[in-house]
Every structure is written in structure tokens, then in C-alpha cells.
Amino acid sequence: MYRAAGVTAIMMGRVRDDESLAPQSEW
């Protein structure tokens, strides 16, 4: 869930090989 400015949206992001999440610009 991505909650901002009174709106809660569903987002998804790719998990990279090092188990970190891709940067916000790619969500």
C-alpha cells in the first residue's frame, strides 16, 4: 500500500538480485 495525500493505492516493485526493492521511480 502507498498512502499519500489522502489516497491509498496498491503499488508493486521488482525485487532485485540482492533482495532489495527497485527504486521508487520504477514502482
mmCIF file of all heavy atoms, coordinates in Angstrom:
data_MODEL
# 
_entry.id   MODEL 
# 
loop_
_atom_site.group_PDB 
_atom_site.id 
_atom_site.type_symbol 
_atom_site.label_atom_id 
_atom_site.label_alt_id 
_atom_site.label_comp_id 
_atom_site.label_asym_id 
_atom_site.label_entity_id 
_atom_site.label_seq_id 
_atom_site.pdbx_PDB_ins_code 
_atom_site.Cartn_x 
_atom_site.Cartn_y 
_atom_site.Cartn_z 
_atom_site.occupancy 
_atom_site.B_iso_or_equiv 
_atom_site.pdbx_formal_charge 
_atom_site.auth_seq_id 
_atom_site.auth_comp_id 
_atom_site.auth_asym_id 
_atom_site.auth_atom_id 
_atom_site.pdbx_PDB_model_num 
ATOM 1   N N   . MET A 1 1  ? 0.846  -1.182  0.000   1.00 0.00 ? 1  MET A N   1 
ATOM 2   C CA  . MET A 1 1  ? 0.000  0.000   0.000   1.00 0.00 ? 1  MET A CA  1 
ATOM 3   C C   . MET A 1 1  ? 0.891  1.246   0.000   1.00 0.00 ? 1  MET A C   1 
ATOM 4   O O   . MET A 1 1  ? 1.875  1.306   0.742   1.00 0.00 ? 1  MET A O   1 
ATOM 5   C CB  . MET A 1 1  ? -0.898 0.006   1.237   1.00 0.00 ? 1  MET A CB  1 
ATOM 6   C CG  . MET A 1 1  ? -1.836 -1.185  1.328   1.00 0.00 ? 1  MET A CG  1 
ATOM 7   S SD  . MET A 1 1  ? -2.471 -1.471  3.024   1.00 0.00 ? 1  MET A SD  1 
ATOM 8   C CE  . MET A 1 1  ? -3.261 0.105   3.378   1.00 0.00 ? 1  MET A CE  1 
ATOM 9   N N   . TYR A 1 2  ? 0.505  2.229   -0.816  1.00 0.00 ? 2  TYR A N   1 
ATOM 10  C CA  . TYR A 1 2  ? 1.228  3.500   -0.884  1.00 0.00 ? 2  TYR A CA  1 
ATOM 11  C C   . TYR A 1 2  ? 0.236  4.593   -0.514  1.00 0.00 ? 2  TYR A C   1 
ATOM 12  O O   . TYR A 1 2  ? -0.688 4.893   -1.270  1.00 0.00 ? 2  TYR A O   1 
ATOM 13  C CB  . TYR A 1 2  ? 1.773  3.719   -2.297  1.00 0.00 ? 2  TYR A CB  1 
ATOM 14  C CG  . TYR A 1 2  ? 2.598  4.966   -2.475  1.00 0.00 ? 2  TYR A CG  1 
ATOM 15  C CD1 . TYR A 1 2  ? 3.988  4.913   -2.399  1.00 0.00 ? 2  TYR A CD1 1 
ATOM 16  C CD2 . TYR A 1 2  ? 1.995  6.195   -2.741  1.00 0.00 ? 2  TYR A CD2 1 
ATOM 17  C CE1 . TYR A 1 2  ? 4.750  6.065   -2.571  1.00 0.00 ? 2  TYR A CE1 1 
ATOM 18  C CE2 . TYR A 1 2  ? 2.755  7.343   -2.914  1.00 0.00 ? 2  TYR A CE2 1 
ATOM 19  C CZ  . TYR A 1 2  ? 4.131  7.273   -2.818  1.00 0.00 ? 2  TYR A CZ  1 
ATOM 20  O OH  . TYR A 1 2  ? 4.883  8.402   -2.988  1.00 0.00 ? 2  TYR A OH  1 
ATOM 21  N N   . ARG A 1 3  ? 0.416  5.181   0.668   1.00 0.00 ? 3  ARG A N   1 
ATOM 22  C CA  . ARG A 1 3  ? -0.537 6.160   1.198   1.00 0.00 ? 3  ARG A CA  1 
ATOM 23  C C   . ARG A 1 3  ? 0.080  7.554   1.170   1.00 0.00 ? 3  ARG A C   1 
ATOM 24  O O   . ARG A 1 3  ? 1.109  7.805   1.795   1.00 0.00 ? 3  ARG A O   1 
ATOM 25  C CB  . ARG A 1 3  ? -0.932 5.788   2.615   1.00 0.00 ? 3  ARG A CB  1 
ATOM 26  C CG  . ARG A 1 3  ? -1.936 6.734   3.263   1.00 0.00 ? 3  ARG A CG  1 
ATOM 27  C CD  . ARG A 1 3  ? -2.421 6.159   4.575   1.00 0.00 ? 3  ARG A CD  1 
ATOM 28  N NE  . ARG A 1 3  ? -3.216 4.962   4.358   1.00 0.00 ? 3  ARG A NE  1 
ATOM 29  C CZ  . ARG A 1 3  ? -3.495 4.080   5.317   1.00 0.00 ? 3  ARG A CZ  1 
ATOM 30  N NH1 . ARG A 1 3  ? -3.050 4.248   6.546   1.00 0.00 ? 3  ARG A NH1 1 
ATOM 31  N NH2 . ARG A 1 3  ? -4.229 3.006   5.032   1.00 0.00 ? 3  ARG A NH2 1 
ATOM 32  N N   . ALA A 1 4  ? -0.584 8.473   0.433   1.00 0.00 ? 4  ALA A N   1 
ATOM 33  C CA  . ALA A 1 4  ? -0.094 9.847   0.322   1.00 0.00 ? 4  ALA A CA  1 
ATOM 34  C C   . ALA A 1 4  ? -1.238 10.757  -0.069  1.00 0.00 ? 4  ALA A C   1 
ATOM 35  O O   . ALA A 1 4  ? -2.083 10.393  -0.894  1.00 0.00 ? 4  ALA A O   1 
ATOM 36  C CB  . ALA A 1 4  ? 1.016  9.938   -0.721  1.00 0.00 ? 4  ALA A CB  1 
ATOM 37  N N   . ALA A 1 5  ? -1.295 11.941  0.523   1.00 0.00 ? 5  ALA A N   1 
ATOM 38  C CA  . ALA A 1 5  ? -2.265 12.989  0.172   1.00 0.00 ? 5  ALA A CA  1 
ATOM 39  C C   . ALA A 1 5  ? -3.699 12.480  0.202   1.00 0.00 ? 5  ALA A C   1 
ATOM 40  O O   . ALA A 1 5  ? -4.504 12.800  -0.676  1.00 0.00 ? 5  ALA A O   1 
ATOM 41  C CB  . ALA A 1 5  ? -1.935 13.568  -1.205  1.00 0.00 ? 5  ALA A CB  1 
ATOM 42  N N   . GLY A 1 6  ? -4.024 11.668  1.193   1.00 0.00 ? 6  GLY A N   1 
ATOM 43  C CA  . GLY A 1 6  ? -5.387 11.197  1.355   1.00 0.00 ? 6  GLY A CA  1 
ATOM 44  C C   . GLY A 1 6  ? -5.790 10.063  0.440   1.00 0.00 ? 6  GLY A C   1 
ATOM 45  O O   . GLY A 1 6  ? -6.966 9.669   0.410   1.00 0.00 ? 6  GLY A O   1 
ATOM 46  N N   . VAL A 1 7  ? -4.855 9.513   -0.319  1.00 0.00 ? 7  VAL A N   1 
ATOM 47  C CA  . VAL A 1 7  ? -5.139 8.404   -1.241  1.00 0.00 ? 7  VAL A CA  1 
ATOM 48  C C   . VAL A 1 7  ? -4.243 7.224   -0.888  1.00 0.00 ? 7  VAL A C   1 
ATOM 49  O O   . VAL A 1 7  ? -3.047 7.405   -0.625  1.00 0.00 ? 7  VAL A O   1 
ATOM 50  C CB  . VAL A 1 7  ? -4.899 8.831   -2.709  1.00 0.00 ? 7  VAL A CB  1 
ATOM 51  C CG1 . VAL A 1 7  ? -5.081 7.644   -3.650  1.00 0.00 ? 7  VAL A CG1 1 
ATOM 52  C CG2 . VAL A 1 7  ? -5.834 9.970   -3.088  1.00 0.00 ? 7  VAL A CG2 1 
ATOM 53  N N   . THR A 1 8  ? -4.819 6.027   -0.876  1.00 0.00 ? 8  THR A N   1 
ATOM 54  C CA  . THR A 1 8  ? -4.028 4.820   -0.658  1.00 0.00 ? 8  THR A CA  1 
ATOM 55  C C   . THR A 1 8  ? -4.156 3.925   -1.887  1.00 0.00 ? 8  THR A C   1 
ATOM 56  O O   . THR A 1 8  ? -5.245 3.422   -2.191  1.00 0.00 ? 8  THR A O   1 
ATOM 57  C CB  . THR A 1 8  ? -4.493 4.047   0.584   1.00 0.00 ? 8  THR A CB  1 
ATOM 58  O OG1 . THR A 1 8  ? -4.459 4.911   1.722   1.00 0.00 ? 8  THR A OG1 1 
ATOM 59  C CG2 . THR A 1 8  ? -3.583 2.853   0.841   1.00 0.00 ? 8  THR A CG2 1 
ATOM 60  N N   . ALA A 1 9  ? -3.061 3.753   -2.602  1.00 0.00 ? 9  ALA A N   1 
ATOM 61  C CA  . ALA A 1 9  ? -3.034 2.960   -3.822  1.00 0.00 ? 9  ALA A CA  1 
ATOM 62  C C   . ALA A 1 9  ? -2.257 1.670   -3.587  1.00 0.00 ? 9  ALA A C   1 
ATOM 63  O O   . ALA A 1 9  ? -1.505 1.543   -2.614  1.00 0.00 ? 9  ALA A O   1 
ATOM 64  C CB  . ALA A 1 9  ? -2.387 3.755   -4.948  1.00 0.00 ? 9  ALA A CB  1 
ATOM 65  N N   . ILE A 1 10 ? -2.448 0.704   -4.494  1.00 0.00 ? 10 ILE A N   1 
ATOM 66  C CA  . ILE A 1 10 ? -1.664 -0.524  -4.472  1.00 0.00 ? 10 ILE A CA  1 
ATOM 67  C C   . ILE A 1 10 ? -0.558 -0.383  -5.514  1.00 0.00 ? 10 ILE A C   1 
ATOM 68  O O   . ILE A 1 10 ? -0.816 -0.117  -6.684  1.00 0.00 ? 10 ILE A O   1 
ATOM 69  C CB  . ILE A 1 10 ? -2.521 -1.758  -4.782  1.00 0.00 ? 10 ILE A CB  1 
ATOM 70  C CG1 . ILE A 1 10 ? -3.667 -1.881  -3.780  1.00 0.00 ? 10 ILE A CG1 1 
ATOM 71  C CG2 . ILE A 1 10 ? -1.647 -3.017  -4.769  1.00 0.00 ? 10 ILE A CG2 1 
ATOM 72  C CD1 . ILE A 1 10 ? -3.243 -2.006  -2.336  1.00 0.00 ? 10 ILE A CD1 1 
ATOM 73  N N   . MET A 1 11 ? 0.674  -0.559  -5.064  1.00 0.00 ? 11 MET A N   1 
ATOM 74  C CA  . MET A 1 11 ? 1.838  -0.471  -5.927  1.00 0.00 ? 11 MET A CA  1 
ATOM 75  C C   . MET A 1 11 ? 2.571  -1.805  -5.924  1.00 0.00 ? 11 MET A C   1 
ATOM 76  O O   . MET A 1 11 ? 2.397  -2.622  -5.009  1.00 0.00 ? 11 MET A O   1 
ATOM 77  C CB  . MET A 1 11 ? 2.796  0.619   -5.428  1.00 0.00 ? 11 MET A CB  1 
ATOM 78  C CG  . MET A 1 11 ? 2.167  1.979   -5.196  1.00 0.00 ? 11 MET A CG  1 
ATOM 79  S SD  . MET A 1 11 ? 1.842  2.880   -6.694  1.00 0.00 ? 11 MET A SD  1 
ATOM 80  C CE  . MET A 1 11 ? 3.499  3.465   -7.088  1.00 0.00 ? 11 MET A CE  1 
ATOM 81  N N   . MET A 1 12 ? 3.388  -2.018  -6.942  1.00 0.00 ? 12 MET A N   1 
ATOM 82  C CA  . MET A 1 12 ? 4.290  -3.170  -6.921  1.00 0.00 ? 12 MET A CA  1 
ATOM 83  C C   . MET A 1 12 ? 5.643  -2.746  -7.460  1.00 0.00 ? 12 MET A C   1 
ATOM 84  O O   . MET A 1 12 ? 5.748  -1.824  -8.274  1.00 0.00 ? 12 MET A O   1 
ATOM 85  C CB  . MET A 1 12 ? 3.728  -4.353  -7.709  1.00 0.00 ? 12 MET A CB  1 
ATOM 86  C CG  . MET A 1 12 ? 3.641  -4.178  -9.197  1.00 0.00 ? 12 MET A CG  1 
ATOM 87  S SD  . MET A 1 12 ? 2.981  -5.690  -9.975  1.00 0.00 ? 12 MET A SD  1 
ATOM 88  C CE  . MET A 1 12 ? 3.211  -5.257  -11.714 1.00 0.00 ? 12 MET A CE  1 
ATOM 89  N N   . GLY A 1 13 ? 6.676  -3.395  -6.955  1.00 0.00 ? 13 GLY A N   1 
ATOM 90  C CA  . GLY A 1 13 ? 8.033  -3.095  -7.379  1.00 0.00 ? 13 GLY A CA  1 
ATOM 91  C C   . GLY A 1 13 ? 8.813  -4.380  -7.578  1.00 0.00 ? 13 GLY A C   1 
ATOM 92  O O   . GLY A 1 13 ? 8.565  -5.388  -6.899  1.00 0.00 ? 13 GLY A O   1 
ATOM 93  N N   . ARG A 1 14 ? 9.746  -4.354  -8.503  1.00 0.00 ? 14 ARG A N   1 
ATOM 94  C CA  . ARG A 1 14 ? 10.553 -5.533  -8.789  1.00 0.00 ? 14 ARG A CA  1 
ATOM 95  C C   . ARG A 1 14 ? 11.613 -5.730  -7.699  1.00 0.00 ? 14 ARG A C   1 
ATOM 96  O O   . ARG A 1 14 ? 12.238 -4.761  -7.246  1.00 0.00 ? 14 ARG A O   1 
ATOM 97  C CB  . ARG A 1 14 ? 11.225 -5.388  -10.158 1.00 0.00 ? 14 ARG A CB  1 
ATOM 98  C CG  . ARG A 1 14 ? 11.813 -6.689  -10.700 1.00 0.00 ? 14 ARG A CG  1 
ATOM 99  C CD  . ARG A 1 14 ? 12.476 -6.446  -12.050 1.00 0.00 ? 14 ARG A CD  1 
ATOM 100 N NE  . ARG A 1 14 ? 11.533 -5.986  -13.048 1.00 0.00 ? 14 ARG A NE  1 
ATOM 101 C CZ  . ARG A 1 14 ? 10.806 -6.787  -13.820 1.00 0.00 ? 14 ARG A CZ  1 
ATOM 102 N NH1 . ARG A 1 14 ? 10.904 -8.109  -13.669 1.00 0.00 ? 14 ARG A NH1 1 
ATOM 103 N NH2 . ARG A 1 14 ? 9.977  -6.287  -14.721 1.00 0.00 ? 14 ARG A NH2 1 
ATOM 104 N N   . VAL A 1 15 ? 11.819 -6.971  -7.275  1.00 0.00 ? 15 VAL A N   1 
ATOM 105 C CA  . VAL A 1 15 ? 12.860 -7.307  -6.296  1.00 0.00 ? 15 VAL A CA  1 
ATOM 106 C C   . VAL A 1 15 ? 14.135 -7.666  -7.058  1.00 0.00 ? 15 VAL A C   1 
ATOM 107 O O   . VAL A 1 15 ? 14.126 -8.533  -7.938  1.00 0.00 ? 15 VAL A O   1 
ATOM 108 C CB  . VAL A 1 15 ? 12.417 -8.478  -5.405  1.00 0.00 ? 15 VAL A CB  1 
ATOM 109 C CG1 . VAL A 1 15 ? 13.523 -8.849  -4.420  1.00 0.00 ? 15 VAL A CG1 1 
ATOM 110 C CG2 . VAL A 1 15 ? 11.135 -8.113  -4.651  1.00 0.00 ? 15 VAL A CG2 1 
ATOM 111 N N   . ARG A 1 16 ? 15.221 -6.975  -6.733  1.00 0.00 ? 16 ARG A N   1 
ATOM 112 C CA  . ARG A 1 16 ? 16.469 -7.182  -7.449  1.00 0.00 ? 16 ARG A CA  1 
ATOM 113 C C   . ARG A 1 16 ? 17.215 -8.411  -6.918  1.00 0.00 ? 16 ARG A C   1 
ATOM 114 O O   . ARG A 1 16 ? 16.828 -9.005  -5.911  1.00 0.00 ? 16 ARG A O   1 
ATOM 115 C CB  . ARG A 1 16 ? 17.326 -5.917  -7.337  1.00 0.00 ? 16 ARG A CB  1 
ATOM 116 C CG  . ARG A 1 16 ? 16.637 -4.712  -8.000  1.00 0.00 ? 16 ARG A CG  1 
ATOM 117 C CD  . ARG A 1 16 ? 17.466 -3.466  -7.991  1.00 0.00 ? 16 ARG A CD  1 
ATOM 118 N NE  . ARG A 1 16 ? 17.595 -2.861  -6.673  1.00 0.00 ? 16 ARG A NE  1 
ATOM 119 C CZ  . ARG A 1 16 ? 17.969 -1.611  -6.456  1.00 0.00 ? 16 ARG A CZ  1 
ATOM 120 N NH1 . ARG A 1 16 ? 18.253 -0.811  -7.479  1.00 0.00 ? 16 ARG A NH1 1 
ATOM 121 N NH2 . ARG A 1 16 ? 18.064 -1.132  -5.232  1.00 0.00 ? 16 ARG A NH2 1 
ATOM 122 N N   . ASP A 1 17 ? 18.292 -8.771  -7.602  1.00 0.00 ? 17 ASP A N   1 
ATOM 123 C CA  . ASP A 1 17 ? 19.025 -9.988  -7.251  1.00 0.00 ? 17 ASP A CA  1 
ATOM 124 C C   . ASP A 1 17 ? 19.600 -9.939  -5.844  1.00 0.00 ? 17 ASP A C   1 
ATOM 125 O O   . ASP A 1 17 ? 19.783 -10.978 -5.203  1.00 0.00 ? 17 ASP A O   1 
ATOM 126 C CB  . ASP A 1 17 ? 20.157 -10.229 -8.260  1.00 0.00 ? 17 ASP A CB  1 
ATOM 127 C CG  . ASP A 1 17 ? 19.622 -10.620 -9.638  1.00 0.00 ? 17 ASP A CG  1 
ATOM 128 O OD1 . ASP A 1 17 ? 18.452 -11.051 -9.718  1.00 0.00 ? 17 ASP A OD1 1 
ATOM 129 O OD2 . ASP A 1 17 ? 20.377 -10.492 -10.622 1.00 0.00 ? 17 ASP A OD2 1 
ATOM 130 N N   . ASP A 1 18 ? 19.898 -8.731  -5.335  1.00 0.00 ? 18 ASP A N   1 
ATOM 131 C CA  . ASP A 1 18 ? 20.441 -8.617  -3.985  1.00 0.00 ? 18 ASP A CA  1 
ATOM 132 C C   . ASP A 1 18 ? 19.344 -8.534  -2.921  1.00 0.00 ? 18 ASP A C   1 
ATOM 133 O O   . ASP A 1 18 ? 19.607 -8.209  -1.768  1.00 0.00 ? 18 ASP A O   1 
ATOM 134 C CB  . ASP A 1 18 ? 21.363 -7.400  -3.875  1.00 0.00 ? 18 ASP A CB  1 
ATOM 135 C CG  . ASP A 1 18 ? 20.623 -6.074  -4.123  1.00 0.00 ? 18 ASP A CG  1 
ATOM 136 O OD1 . ASP A 1 18 ? 19.407 -6.107  -4.402  1.00 0.00 ? 18 ASP A OD1 1 
ATOM 137 O OD2 . ASP A 1 18 ? 21.268 -5.018  -4.014  1.00 0.00 ? 18 ASP A OD2 1 
ATOM 138 N N   . GLU A 1 19 ? 18.081 -8.820  -3.330  1.00 0.00 ? 19 GLU A N   1 
ATOM 139 C CA  . GLU A 1 19 ? 16.886 -8.847  -2.463  1.00 0.00 ? 19 GLU A CA  1 
ATOM 140 C C   . GLU A 1 19 ? 16.403 -7.458  -2.072  1.00 0.00 ? 19 GLU A C   1 
ATOM 141 O O   . GLU A 1 19 ? 15.486 -7.331  -1.266  1.00 0.00 ? 19 GLU A O   1 
ATOM 142 C CB  . GLU A 1 19 ? 17.121 -9.702  -1.214  1.00 0.00 ? 19 GLU A CB  1 
ATOM 143 C CG  . GLU A 1 19 ? 17.396 -11.169 -1.531  1.00 0.00 ? 19 GLU A CG  1 
ATOM 144 C CD  . GLU A 1 19 ? 17.453 -12.036 -0.285  1.00 0.00 ? 19 GLU A CD  1 
ATOM 145 O OE1 . GLU A 1 19 ? 17.677 -11.487 0.820   1.00 0.00 ? 19 GLU A OE1 1 
ATOM 146 O OE2 . GLU A 1 19 ? 17.271 -13.255 -0.397  1.00 0.00 ? 19 GLU A OE2 1 
ATOM 147 N N   . SER A 1 20 ? 16.993 -6.407  -2.620  1.00 0.00 ? 20 SER A N   1 
ATOM 148 C CA  . SER A 1 20 ? 16.489 -5.057  -2.389  1.00 0.00 ? 20 SER A CA  1 
ATOM 149 C C   . SER A 1 20 ? 15.382 -4.758  -3.392  1.00 0.00 ? 20 SER A C   1 
ATOM 150 O O   . SER A 1 20 ? 15.252 -5.434  -4.416  1.00 0.00 ? 20 SER A O   1 
ATOM 151 C CB  . SER A 1 20 ? 17.612 -4.032  -2.522  1.00 0.00 ? 20 SER A CB  1 
ATOM 152 O OG  . SER A 1 20 ? 18.098 -3.999  -3.861  1.00 0.00 ? 20 SER A OG  1 
ATOM 153 N N   . LEU A 1 21 ? 14.571 -3.735  -3.094  1.00 0.00 ? 21 LEU A N   1 
ATOM 154 C CA  . LEU A 1 21 ? 13.488 -3.344  -3.987  1.00 0.00 ? 21 LEU A CA  1 
ATOM 155 C C   . LEU A 1 21 ? 13.996 -2.289  -4.971  1.00 0.00 ? 21 LEU A C   1 
ATOM 156 O O   . LEU A 1 21 ? 14.793 -1.424  -4.610  1.00 0.00 ? 21 LEU A O   1 
ATOM 157 C CB  . LEU A 1 21 ? 12.316 -2.790  -3.183  1.00 0.00 ? 21 LEU A CB  1 
ATOM 158 C CG  . LEU A 1 21 ? 10.988 -2.627  -3.935  1.00 0.00 ? 21 LEU A CG  1 
ATOM 159 C CD1 . LEU A 1 21 ? 10.418 -3.983  -4.339  1.00 0.00 ? 21 LEU A CD1 1 
ATOM 160 C CD2 . LEU A 1 21 ? 9.978  -1.866  -3.080  1.00 0.00 ? 21 LEU A CD2 1 
ATOM 161 N N   . ALA A 1 22 ? 13.523 -2.367  -6.208  1.00 0.00 ? 22 ALA A N   1 
ATOM 162 C CA  . ALA A 1 22 ? 13.883 -1.366  -7.220  1.00 0.00 ? 22 ALA A CA  1 
ATOM 163 C C   . ALA A 1 22 ? 13.519 0.030   -6.721  1.00 0.00 ? 22 ALA A C   1 
ATOM 164 O O   . ALA A 1 22 ? 12.637 0.185   -5.872  1.00 0.00 ? 22 ALA A O   1 
ATOM 165 C CB  . ALA A 1 22 ? 13.158 -1.676  -8.523  1.00 0.00 ? 22 ALA A CB  1 
ATOM 166 N N   . PRO A 1 23 ? 14.146 1.084   -7.218  1.00 0.00 ? 23 PRO A N   1 
ATOM 167 C CA  . PRO A 1 23 ? 13.871 2.441   -6.730  1.00 0.00 ? 23 PRO A CA  1 
ATOM 168 C C   . PRO A 1 23 ? 12.445 2.884   -7.013  1.00 0.00 ? 23 PRO A C   1 
ATOM 169 O O   . PRO A 1 23 ? 11.759 2.349   -7.889  1.00 0.00 ? 23 PRO A O   1 
ATOM 170 C CB  . PRO A 1 23 ? 14.889 3.297   -7.484  1.00 0.00 ? 23 PRO A CB  1 
ATOM 171 C CG  . PRO A 1 23 ? 15.267 2.492   -8.678  1.00 0.00 ? 23 PRO A CG  1 
ATOM 172 C CD  . PRO A 1 23 ? 15.198 1.066   -8.251  1.00 0.00 ? 23 PRO A CD  1 
ATOM 173 N N   . GLN A 1 24 ? 12.005 3.891   -6.272  1.00 0.00 ? 24 GLN A N   1 
ATOM 174 C CA  . GLN A 1 24 ? 10.630 4.364   -6.366  1.00 0.00 ? 24 GLN A CA  1 
ATOM 175 C C   . GLN A 1 24 ? 10.234 4.759   -7.780  1.00 0.00 ? 24 GLN A C   1 
ATOM 176 O O   . GLN A 1 24 ? 9.076  4.597   -8.180  1.00 0.00 ? 24 GLN A O   1 
ATOM 177 C CB  . GLN A 1 24 ? 10.422 5.547   -5.405  1.00 0.00 ? 24 GLN A CB  1 
ATOM 178 C CG  . GLN A 1 24 ? 8.997  6.055   -5.333  1.00 0.00 ? 24 GLN A CG  1 
ATOM 179 C CD  . GLN A 1 24 ? 8.817  7.144   -4.289  1.00 0.00 ? 24 GLN A CD  1 
ATOM 180 O OE1 . GLN A 1 24 ? 9.719  7.404   -3.492  1.00 0.00 ? 24 GLN A OE1 1 
ATOM 181 N NE2 . GLN A 1 24 ? 7.662  7.773   -4.285  1.00 0.00 ? 24 GLN A NE2 1 
ATOM 182 N N   . SER A 1 25 ? 11.163 5.267   -8.569  1.00 0.00 ? 25 SER A N   1 
ATOM 183 C CA  . SER A 1 25 ? 10.859 5.676   -9.937  1.00 0.00 ? 25 SER A CA  1 
ATOM 184 C C   . SER A 1 25 ? 10.408 4.517   -10.813 1.00 0.00 ? 25 SER A C   1 
ATOM 185 O O   . SER A 1 25 ? 9.782  4.720   -11.863 1.00 0.00 ? 25 SER A O   1 
ATOM 186 C CB  . SER A 1 25 ? 12.091 6.343   -10.566 1.00 0.00 ? 25 SER A CB  1 
ATOM 187 O OG  . SER A 1 25 ? 13.190 5.439   -10.583 1.00 0.00 ? 25 SER A OG  1 
ATOM 188 N N   . GLU A 1 26 ? 10.671 3.278   -10.369 1.00 0.00 ? 26 GLU A N   1 
ATOM 189 C CA  . GLU A 1 26 ? 10.299 2.098   -11.139 1.00 0.00 ? 26 GLU A CA  1 
ATOM 190 C C   . GLU A 1 26 ? 9.086  1.368   -10.562 1.00 0.00 ? 26 GLU A C   1 
ATOM 191 O O   . GLU A 1 26 ? 8.667  0.349   -11.115 1.00 0.00 ? 26 GLU A O   1 
ATOM 192 C CB  . GLU A 1 26 ? 11.488 1.133   -11.216 1.00 0.00 ? 26 GLU A CB  1 
ATOM 193 C CG  . GLU A 1 26 ? 12.705 1.721   -11.918 1.00 0.00 ? 26 GLU A CG  1 
ATOM 194 C CD  . GLU A 1 26 ? 13.881 0.768   -11.948 1.00 0.00 ? 26 GLU A CD  1 
ATOM 195 O OE1 . GLU A 1 26 ? 13.673 -0.454  -11.756 1.00 0.00 ? 26 GLU A OE1 1 
ATOM 196 O OE2 . GLU A 1 26 ? 15.021 1.234   -12.159 1.00 0.00 ? 26 GLU A OE2 1 
ATOM 197 N N   . TRP A 1 27 ? 8.503  1.877   -9.481  1.00 0.00 ? 27 TRP A N   1 
ATOM 198 C CA  . TRP A 1 27 ? 7.313  1.249   -8.934  1.00 0.00 ? 27 TRP A CA  1 
ATOM 199 C C   . TRP A 1 27 ? 6.135  1.450   -9.877  1.00 0.00 ? 27 TRP A C   1 
ATOM 200 O O   . TRP A 1 27 ? 6.048  2.454   -10.590 1.00 0.00 ? 27 TRP A O   1 
ATOM 201 C CB  . TRP A 1 27 ? 6.983  1.826   -7.568  1.00 0.00 ? 27 TRP A CB  1 
ATOM 202 C CG  . TRP A 1 27 ? 8.047  1.598   -6.529  1.00 0.00 ? 27 TRP A CG  1 
ATOM 203 C CD1 . TRP A 1 27 ? 9.152  0.785   -6.642  1.00 0.00 ? 27 TRP A CD1 1 
ATOM 204 C CD2 . TRP A 1 27 ? 8.133  2.198   -5.241  1.00 0.00 ? 27 TRP A CD2 1 
ATOM 205 N NE1 . TRP A 1 27 ? 9.908  0.845   -5.502  1.00 0.00 ? 27 TRP A NE1 1 
ATOM 206 C CE2 . TRP A 1 27 ? 9.316  1.704   -4.615  1.00 0.00 ? 27 TRP A CE2 1 
ATOM 207 C CE3 . TRP A 1 27 ? 7.337  3.105   -4.547  1.00 0.00 ? 27 TRP A CE3 1 
ATOM 208 C CZ2 . TRP A 1 27 ? 9.694  2.084   -3.341  1.00 0.00 ? 27 TRP A CZ2 1 
ATOM 209 C CZ3 . TRP A 1 27 ? 7.711  3.495   -3.274  1.00 0.00 ? 27 TRP A CZ3 1 
ATOM 210 C CH2 . TRP A 1 27 ? 8.875  2.987   -2.676  1.00 0.00 ? 27 TRP A CH2 1 
# 
